[in-house]
Amino acid sequence: MMPAYAAVYAMVLLGVAFAAVTLIAAKLLRPKVEYARKLTTYECGMPAVGTTEVKLNIRFYVFALLFVLFDAETLFVYPWAVATKSVGPVAIVEMGIFLTILFLGLAYAWVKGALQWE
């Protein structure tokens, strides 16, 4: 008789083995052409001018983080909404608390100006 997690271990082992074999095969089969031009940074055919450091505005990061946060909320709310009749009143109260916390977070971000795109 197989242990309960034998299938999980087998799939993890198979995944790691597949990744290792693929990387090793790519290393062995690729053409070995090494010259200076190949090792340089590709800049769309134009010579690189200036520094490669780019200052990114923090608003882009905050906006993306807020998007991911509220997008992940949908992952929790949608299955709950589909099964709302079978979860009972305790789960409805818990989802109300969850949505209230998310709404307060959205209101805080709105007041702080994180949602303004300038």
Protein backbone atom coordinates (compact mmCIF):
# COMPACT_ATOMS: atom_id res chain seq x y z
CA MET A 1 0.00 0.00 0.00
CA MET A 2 1.30 3.48 -0.93
CA PRO A 3 1.63 6.19 1.71
CA ALA A 4 -0.84 9.06 1.45
CA TYR A 5 1.66 11.57 0.03
CA ALA A 6 3.53 9.23 -2.32
CA ALA A 7 1.78 10.67 -5.37
CA VAL A 8 2.66 14.22 -4.29
CA TYR A 9 6.31 13.28 -3.76
CA ALA A 10 6.37 11.52 -7.12
CA MET A 11 4.99 14.61 -8.90
CA VAL A 12 7.50 16.91 -7.17
CA LEU A 13 10.34 14.56 -8.09
CA LEU A 14 9.06 14.34 -11.67
CA GLY A 15 8.84 18.14 -11.92
CA VAL A 16 12.35 18.69 -10.56
CA ALA A 17 13.75 15.95 -12.83
CA PHE A 18 12.01 17.45 -15.87
CA ALA A 19 13.40 20.91 -15.12
CA ALA A 20 16.91 19.54 -14.55
CA VAL A 21 16.90 17.43 -17.73
CA THR A 22 15.57 20.34 -19.79
CA LEU A 23 18.23 22.76 -18.50
CA ILE A 24 21.05 20.25 -18.96
CA ALA A 25 19.87 19.39 -22.50
CA ALA A 26 19.70 23.08 -23.39
CA LYS A 27 23.24 23.60 -22.06
CA LEU A 28 24.61 20.65 -24.04
CA LEU A 29 22.75 21.28 -27.31
CA ARG A 30 23.09 25.04 -27.67
CA PRO A 31 25.68 26.45 -30.05
CA LYS A 32 28.84 27.53 -28.27
CA VAL A 33 29.58 30.82 -30.01
CA GLU A 34 31.05 33.31 -27.58
CA TYR A 35 32.30 36.63 -28.80
CA ALA A 36 32.24 40.13 -27.38
CA ARG A 37 29.31 41.41 -29.40
CA LYS A 38 27.06 38.53 -28.31
CA LEU A 39 27.79 39.23 -24.65
CA THR A 40 26.80 42.91 -24.84
CA THR A 41 23.39 44.28 -23.86
CA TYR A 42 20.92 44.41 -26.73
CA GLU A 43 19.46 47.89 -27.17
CA CYS A 44 17.28 47.56 -30.29
CA GLY A 45 20.21 48.08 -32.62
CA MET A 46 21.14 51.44 -31.18
CA PRO A 47 24.29 52.05 -29.16
CA ALA A 48 23.68 52.48 -25.44
CA VAL A 49 24.09 56.08 -24.31
CA GLY A 50 24.29 57.15 -20.69
CA THR A 51 23.66 55.15 -17.57
CA THR A 52 21.37 52.13 -17.40
CA GLU A 53 19.89 53.19 -14.07
CA VAL A 54 16.28 54.27 -14.47
CA LYS A 55 14.50 56.08 -11.69
CA LEU A 56 10.99 54.67 -11.43
CA ASN A 57 8.32 56.71 -9.74
CA ILE A 58 7.08 54.98 -6.57
CA ARG A 59 3.47 55.68 -7.62
CA PHE A 60 3.70 52.96 -10.27
CA TYR A 61 4.73 50.43 -7.64
CA VAL A 62 2.02 51.47 -5.18
CA PHE A 63 -0.65 51.43 -7.90
CA ALA A 64 0.41 47.94 -9.02
CA LEU A 65 0.48 46.71 -5.44
CA LEU A 66 -3.03 48.01 -4.82
CA PHE A 67 -4.21 46.35 -8.02
CA VAL A 68 -2.78 43.00 -6.95
CA LEU A 69 -4.31 43.38 -3.50
CA PHE A 70 -7.82 44.05 -4.76
CA ASP A 71 -7.45 41.52 -7.55
CA ALA A 72 -6.61 38.88 -4.94
CA GLU A 73 -9.75 39.95 -3.08
CA THR A 74 -11.77 38.79 -6.07
CA LEU A 75 -10.20 35.35 -5.76
CA PHE A 76 -11.61 35.05 -2.25
CA VAL A 77 -14.97 36.73 -2.78
CA TYR A 78 -16.09 35.05 -6.00
CA PRO A 79 -16.08 31.41 -4.77
CA TRP A 80 -17.70 32.53 -1.54
CA ALA A 81 -20.46 34.35 -3.46
CA VAL A 82 -21.15 31.26 -5.54
CA ALA A 83 -21.56 29.09 -2.43
CA THR A 84 -23.23 31.71 -0.26
CA LYS A 85 -26.40 29.65 0.35
CA SER A 86 -24.50 26.70 1.82
CA VAL A 87 -21.94 28.49 4.01
CA GLY A 88 -24.24 29.68 6.76
CA PRO A 89 -24.57 32.93 8.71
CA VAL A 90 -21.14 32.75 10.41
CA ALA A 91 -19.36 32.74 7.05
CA ILE A 92 -21.50 35.66 5.89
CA VAL A 93 -20.44 37.68 8.95
CA GLU A 94 -16.78 36.72 8.37
CA MET A 95 -16.99 37.82 4.73
CA GLY A 96 -18.58 41.07 5.86
CA ILE A 97 -15.62 41.68 8.20
CA PHE A 98 -13.20 40.81 5.38
CA LEU A 99 -14.90 43.19 2.95
CA THR A 100 -15.03 45.93 5.61
CA ILE A 101 -11.27 45.66 6.18
CA LEU A 102 -10.65 45.81 2.43
CA PHE A 103 -12.97 48.80 2.07
CA LEU A 104 -11.16 50.61 4.88
CA GLY A 105 -7.85 49.88 3.13
CA LEU A 106 -9.23 51.27 -0.12
CA ALA A 107 -10.55 54.36 1.66
CA TYR A 108 -7.16 54.88 3.33
CA ALA A 109 -5.35 54.58 -0.02
CA TRP A 110 -7.83 57.00 -1.58
CA VAL A 111 -7.37 59.58 1.19
CA LYS A 112 -3.57 59.28 0.96
CA GLY A 113 -3.76 59.93 -2.79
CA ALA A 114 -2.39 56.55 -3.87
CA LEU A 115 -5.09 56.20 -6.52
CA GLN A 116 -4.45 59.55 -8.20
CA TRP A 117 -2.66 59.21 -11.50
CA GLU A 118 -0.73 62.34 -12.39
